[in-house]
Amino acid sequence: MGAPMPKKNKRKRRTFSKEFRAEAVALARESGKPIADVAEDIGVAESSLFAWIRQAKIDDGQVGGMTTDEKEELTALRKEVRQLKMERDFLKKTAAYFASEKK
């Protein structure tokens, strides 16, 4: 047997407010600097800034895709569906239990 593998330190995922993302997109659009430079200046990953810019274009109607509002609604609907399925499954089990008791 070999030595145990060292655990990798996982970076905690950072979250950014809507305001910060909007300001970052505005800065990238207005500065005339390459996106990589803007991302480095504000301390975010270049891929994150690219994603924020792409989402801003979708929200502005410049390109097709799911808007931020639509994504939020979809997330809420999926959560509601999960809850309803749990409730339905509980009711099925409850009905089966009471049906078996009557016999």
Protein backbone atom coordinates (compact mmCIF):
# COMPACT_ATOMS: atom_id res chain seq x y z
CA MET A 1 0.00 0.00 0.00
CA GLY A 2 1.20 3.48 -0.80
CA ALA A 3 0.93 6.67 1.14
CA PRO A 4 -2.51 8.28 1.22
CA MET A 5 -3.15 10.84 -1.45
CA PRO A 6 -2.94 14.39 -0.12
CA LYS A 7 -6.24 16.20 -0.18
CA LYS A 8 -6.43 19.09 -2.56
CA ASN A 9 -7.38 22.40 -1.05
CA LYS A 10 -10.63 23.36 -2.67
CA ARG A 11 -11.09 27.04 -3.25
CA LYS A 12 -14.26 28.44 -1.86
CA ARG A 13 -16.49 29.59 -4.68
CA ARG A 14 -16.79 33.34 -4.64
CA THR A 15 -20.09 35.01 -5.38
CA PHE A 16 -20.56 38.48 -6.78
CA SER A 17 -23.56 40.74 -6.45
CA LYS A 18 -25.64 41.75 -9.45
CA GLU A 19 -24.39 45.30 -9.01
CA PHE A 20 -20.75 44.22 -9.10
CA ARG A 21 -21.31 42.13 -12.24
CA ALA A 22 -23.15 45.00 -13.94
CA GLU A 23 -20.35 47.43 -13.09
CA ALA A 24 -17.74 44.97 -14.34
CA VAL A 25 -19.60 44.56 -17.65
CA ALA A 26 -19.94 48.34 -18.02
CA LEU A 27 -16.23 48.78 -17.30
CA ALA A 28 -15.30 46.12 -19.86
CA ARG A 29 -17.54 47.70 -22.50
CA GLU A 30 -16.49 51.30 -21.88
CA SER A 31 -12.78 51.02 -21.07
CA GLY A 32 -11.57 49.91 -24.48
CA LYS A 33 -9.15 47.57 -22.71
CA PRO A 34 -8.96 43.86 -23.49
CA ILE A 35 -11.32 41.80 -21.36
CA ALA A 36 -8.40 39.86 -19.88
CA ASP A 37 -6.89 43.11 -18.58
CA VAL A 38 -10.19 44.30 -17.10
CA ALA A 39 -10.70 40.94 -15.41
CA GLU A 40 -7.23 41.09 -13.89
CA ASP A 41 -7.76 44.70 -12.76
CA ILE A 42 -10.96 43.86 -10.87
CA GLY A 43 -9.73 40.49 -9.59
CA VAL A 44 -12.07 38.07 -11.32
CA ALA A 45 -11.46 35.18 -13.67
CA GLU A 46 -11.48 36.10 -17.33
CA SER A 47 -14.01 33.35 -18.01
CA SER A 48 -16.37 34.84 -15.42
CA LEU A 49 -16.21 38.28 -17.00
CA PHE A 50 -16.80 36.77 -20.46
CA ALA A 51 -19.86 34.94 -19.11
CA TRP A 52 -21.22 38.11 -17.50
CA ILE A 53 -20.77 40.04 -20.75
CA ARG A 54 -22.47 37.27 -22.75
CA GLN A 55 -25.40 37.22 -20.27
CA ALA A 56 -25.68 41.02 -20.45
CA LYS A 57 -25.95 40.79 -24.25
CA ILE A 58 -28.74 38.22 -23.87
CA ASP A 59 -30.55 40.38 -21.31
CA ASP A 60 -30.22 43.39 -23.63
CA GLY A 61 -31.72 41.42 -26.52
CA GLN A 62 -28.56 41.62 -28.61
CA VAL A 63 -28.26 37.84 -28.91
CA GLY A 64 -30.59 34.92 -28.33
CA GLY A 65 -30.64 32.88 -25.17
CA MET A 66 -32.30 32.61 -21.79
CA THR A 67 -32.44 35.91 -19.93
CA THR A 68 -31.51 36.24 -16.28
CA ASP A 69 -35.19 36.63 -15.34
CA GLU A 70 -36.07 33.48 -17.27
CA LYS A 71 -33.26 31.57 -15.55
CA GLU A 72 -34.50 32.71 -12.13
CA GLU A 73 -38.06 31.69 -12.99
CA LEU A 74 -36.88 28.29 -14.23
CA THR A 75 -34.94 27.73 -11.01
CA ALA A 76 -38.00 28.62 -8.93
CA LEU A 77 -40.25 26.36 -10.99
CA ARG A 78 -37.83 23.43 -10.69
CA LYS A 79 -37.76 23.91 -6.92
CA GLU A 80 -41.56 23.94 -6.83
CA VAL A 81 -41.75 20.78 -8.94
CA ARG A 82 -39.34 18.99 -6.56
CA GLN A 83 -41.50 20.01 -3.60
CA LEU A 84 -44.71 18.91 -5.30
CA LYS A 85 -43.18 15.54 -6.22
CA MET A 86 -42.14 14.98 -2.60
CA GLU A 87 -45.66 15.83 -1.42
CA ARG A 88 -47.22 13.55 -4.05
CA ASP A 89 -44.93 10.65 -3.09
CA PHE A 90 -45.78 11.14 0.59
CA LEU A 91 -49.49 11.11 -0.17
CA LYS A 92 -49.12 7.93 -2.26
CA LYS A 93 -47.33 6.17 0.59
CA THR A 94 -49.89 7.40 3.10
CA ALA A 95 -52.80 6.24 0.93
CA ALA A 96 -51.14 2.83 0.43
CA TYR A 97 -50.60 2.47 4.18
CA PHE A 98 -54.23 3.24 5.03
CA ALA A 99 -55.50 1.07 2.20
CA SER A 100 -53.51 -1.90 3.52
CA GLU A 101 -54.83 -1.36 7.09
CA LYS A 102 -58.48 -1.73 6.02
CA LYS A 103 -58.01 -5.31 4.84
